[in-house]
Amino acid sequence: MNDLTKEKDVCEITCINEEKVTSIQNKLSKENPFEVAKIFKALSDDTRIKIAYALSEEEELCVCDVANIVGATTATTSHHLRLLKNLGIAKYRKEGKLVYYSLDDEHVKQLIEVAFEHQREGAKVE
């Protein structure tokens, strides 16, 4: 494909809607995009998204179960779970010698469910 047949996906002129730009900039200045980006960065790892998916399917799972589900060692799984906990995505409780993890709240579960739903819908289009 040469440059003449490529679809242009950028504006060919500069035209700024000041009202929309100012409104969104004001709203965004009250949010914390850096912290939100950290959530998505944590979930961008294949193993961690598998872990998050597993935790969205069950109320809680012990580290050993999670490791078997994702096909990793308990040490590797513990590392990923600790990272998810530190970012507020997961929480844990200890019962005797076992540690059980769950998603931190319903918002996290919804985020995981929506991401997988979006992926499934995108796969149908292709």
Protein backbone atom coordinates (compact mmCIF):
# COMPACT_ATOMS: atom_id res chain seq x y z
CA MET A 1 0.00 0.00 0.00
CA ASN A 2 1.32 3.44 -0.82
CA ASP A 3 0.52 6.70 0.97
CA LEU A 4 -2.31 7.56 -1.46
CA THR A 5 -4.31 4.40 -0.70
CA LYS A 6 -3.83 4.41 3.08
CA GLU A 7 -6.77 5.51 5.16
CA LYS A 8 -5.87 8.71 6.94
CA ASP A 9 -6.49 8.38 10.66
CA VAL A 10 -5.44 11.89 11.67
CA CYS A 11 -7.08 15.26 11.18
CA GLU A 12 -5.91 17.03 8.06
CA ILE A 13 -6.53 20.44 9.65
CA THR A 14 -6.38 21.77 13.20
CA CYS A 15 -9.81 22.48 14.65
CA ILE A 16 -10.12 22.59 18.45
CA ASN A 17 -13.44 22.59 20.31
CA GLU A 18 -12.38 24.72 23.28
CA GLU A 19 -15.54 23.97 25.27
CA LYS A 20 -15.05 20.19 25.10
CA VAL A 21 -11.29 20.45 25.70
CA THR A 22 -11.67 22.71 28.73
CA SER A 23 -14.49 20.63 30.21
CA ILE A 24 -12.56 17.38 29.95
CA GLN A 25 -9.30 18.93 31.15
CA ASN A 26 -11.12 20.23 34.25
CA LYS A 27 -12.64 16.83 34.97
CA LEU A 28 -9.34 15.05 34.38
CA SER A 29 -7.49 17.41 36.72
CA LYS A 30 -9.71 16.14 39.56
CA GLU A 31 -8.88 12.50 38.83
CA ASN A 32 -5.71 10.47 39.36
CA PRO A 33 -4.83 8.91 35.99
CA PHE A 34 -1.42 7.76 37.24
CA GLU A 35 -3.04 5.46 39.84
CA VAL A 36 -5.56 4.18 37.28
CA ALA A 37 -2.73 3.45 34.85
CA LYS A 38 -1.03 1.38 37.56
CA ILE A 39 -4.11 -0.87 37.72
CA PHE A 40 -4.08 -1.43 33.98
CA LYS A 41 -0.31 -1.96 33.99
CA ALA A 42 -0.69 -4.65 36.65
CA LEU A 43 -3.43 -6.36 34.65
CA SER A 44 -1.46 -6.15 31.39
CA ASP A 45 0.62 -9.17 32.43
CA ASP A 46 -0.75 -12.45 31.06
CA THR A 47 -0.31 -14.35 34.33
CA ARG A 48 -1.83 -11.58 36.45
CA ILE A 49 -4.90 -11.24 34.24
CA LYS A 50 -5.38 -15.02 34.49
CA ILE A 51 -5.14 -14.72 38.26
CA ALA A 52 -7.61 -11.83 38.31
CA TYR A 53 -9.98 -13.81 36.08
CA ALA A 54 -9.75 -16.82 38.39
CA LEU A 55 -10.51 -14.61 41.39
CA SER A 56 -13.46 -13.09 39.55
CA GLU A 57 -14.91 -16.59 39.07
CA GLU A 58 -14.53 -17.70 42.70
CA GLU A 59 -15.09 -15.65 45.84
CA GLU A 60 -11.65 -16.66 47.09
CA LEU A 61 -8.88 -19.10 46.23
CA CYS A 62 -5.82 -20.30 48.10
CA VAL A 63 -2.40 -19.62 46.57
CA CYS A 64 -1.97 -23.33 45.70
CA ASP A 65 -5.24 -23.38 43.73
CA VAL A 66 -4.37 -20.18 41.90
CA ALA A 67 -0.93 -21.58 41.00
CA ASN A 68 -2.51 -24.71 39.53
CA ILE A 69 -5.12 -22.72 37.61
CA VAL A 70 -2.53 -20.47 35.93
CA GLY A 71 0.13 -23.18 35.55
CA ALA A 72 2.81 -21.48 37.62
CA THR A 73 4.80 -22.28 40.74
CA THR A 74 3.46 -21.16 44.10
CA ALA A 75 6.46 -18.81 44.41
CA THR A 76 5.69 -17.11 41.08
CA THR A 77 1.98 -17.01 41.86
CA SER A 78 2.65 -15.51 45.30
CA HIS A 79 4.78 -12.81 43.69
CA HIS A 80 1.97 -11.87 41.29
CA LEU A 81 -0.69 -12.01 44.01
CA ARG A 82 1.42 -9.77 46.25
CA LEU A 83 1.71 -7.22 43.46
CA LEU A 84 -2.06 -7.32 42.88
CA LYS A 85 -2.59 -6.85 46.62
CA ASN A 86 -0.16 -3.93 46.80
CA LEU A 87 -2.05 -2.20 43.99
CA GLY A 88 -5.42 -2.67 45.68
CA ILE A 89 -6.69 -5.20 43.16
CA ALA A 90 -6.67 -8.20 45.50
CA LYS A 91 -6.78 -8.83 49.24
CA TYR A 92 -5.91 -11.85 51.34
CA ARG A 93 -6.63 -13.59 54.58
CA LYS A 94 -4.60 -16.23 56.35
CA GLU A 95 -6.21 -19.33 57.81
CA GLY A 96 -3.72 -21.55 59.59
CA LYS A 97 -1.02 -22.38 57.07
CA LEU A 98 -3.12 -21.39 54.05
CA VAL A 99 -3.46 -17.96 52.44
CA TYR A 100 -6.66 -17.13 50.56
CA TYR A 101 -6.90 -14.33 48.02
CA SER A 102 -9.94 -12.57 46.64
CA LEU A 103 -10.58 -9.49 44.54
CA ASP A 104 -10.57 -6.30 46.56
CA ASP A 105 -14.12 -5.25 45.68
CA GLU A 106 -16.95 -5.47 43.18
CA HIS A 107 -15.42 -2.71 41.00
CA VAL A 108 -12.37 -4.85 40.30
CA LYS A 109 -14.56 -7.83 39.45
CA GLN A 110 -16.59 -5.69 37.05
CA LEU A 111 -13.41 -4.39 35.42
CA ILE A 112 -12.21 -7.96 34.78
CA GLU A 113 -15.62 -9.09 33.51
CA VAL A 114 -15.95 -6.11 31.15
CA ALA A 115 -12.42 -6.62 29.80
CA PHE A 116 -13.09 -10.26 28.96
CA GLU A 117 -16.51 -9.43 27.50
CA HIS A 118 -14.91 -6.75 25.31
CA GLN A 119 -12.26 -9.21 24.14
CA ARG A 120 -14.90 -11.82 23.25
CA GLU A 121 -16.91 -9.27 21.27
CA GLY A 122 -13.78 -8.15 19.43
CA ALA A 123 -12.97 -11.77 18.56
CA LYS A 124 -16.42 -12.17 16.95
CA VAL A 125 -15.80 -9.20 14.64
CA GLU A 126 -12.55 -10.55 13.21
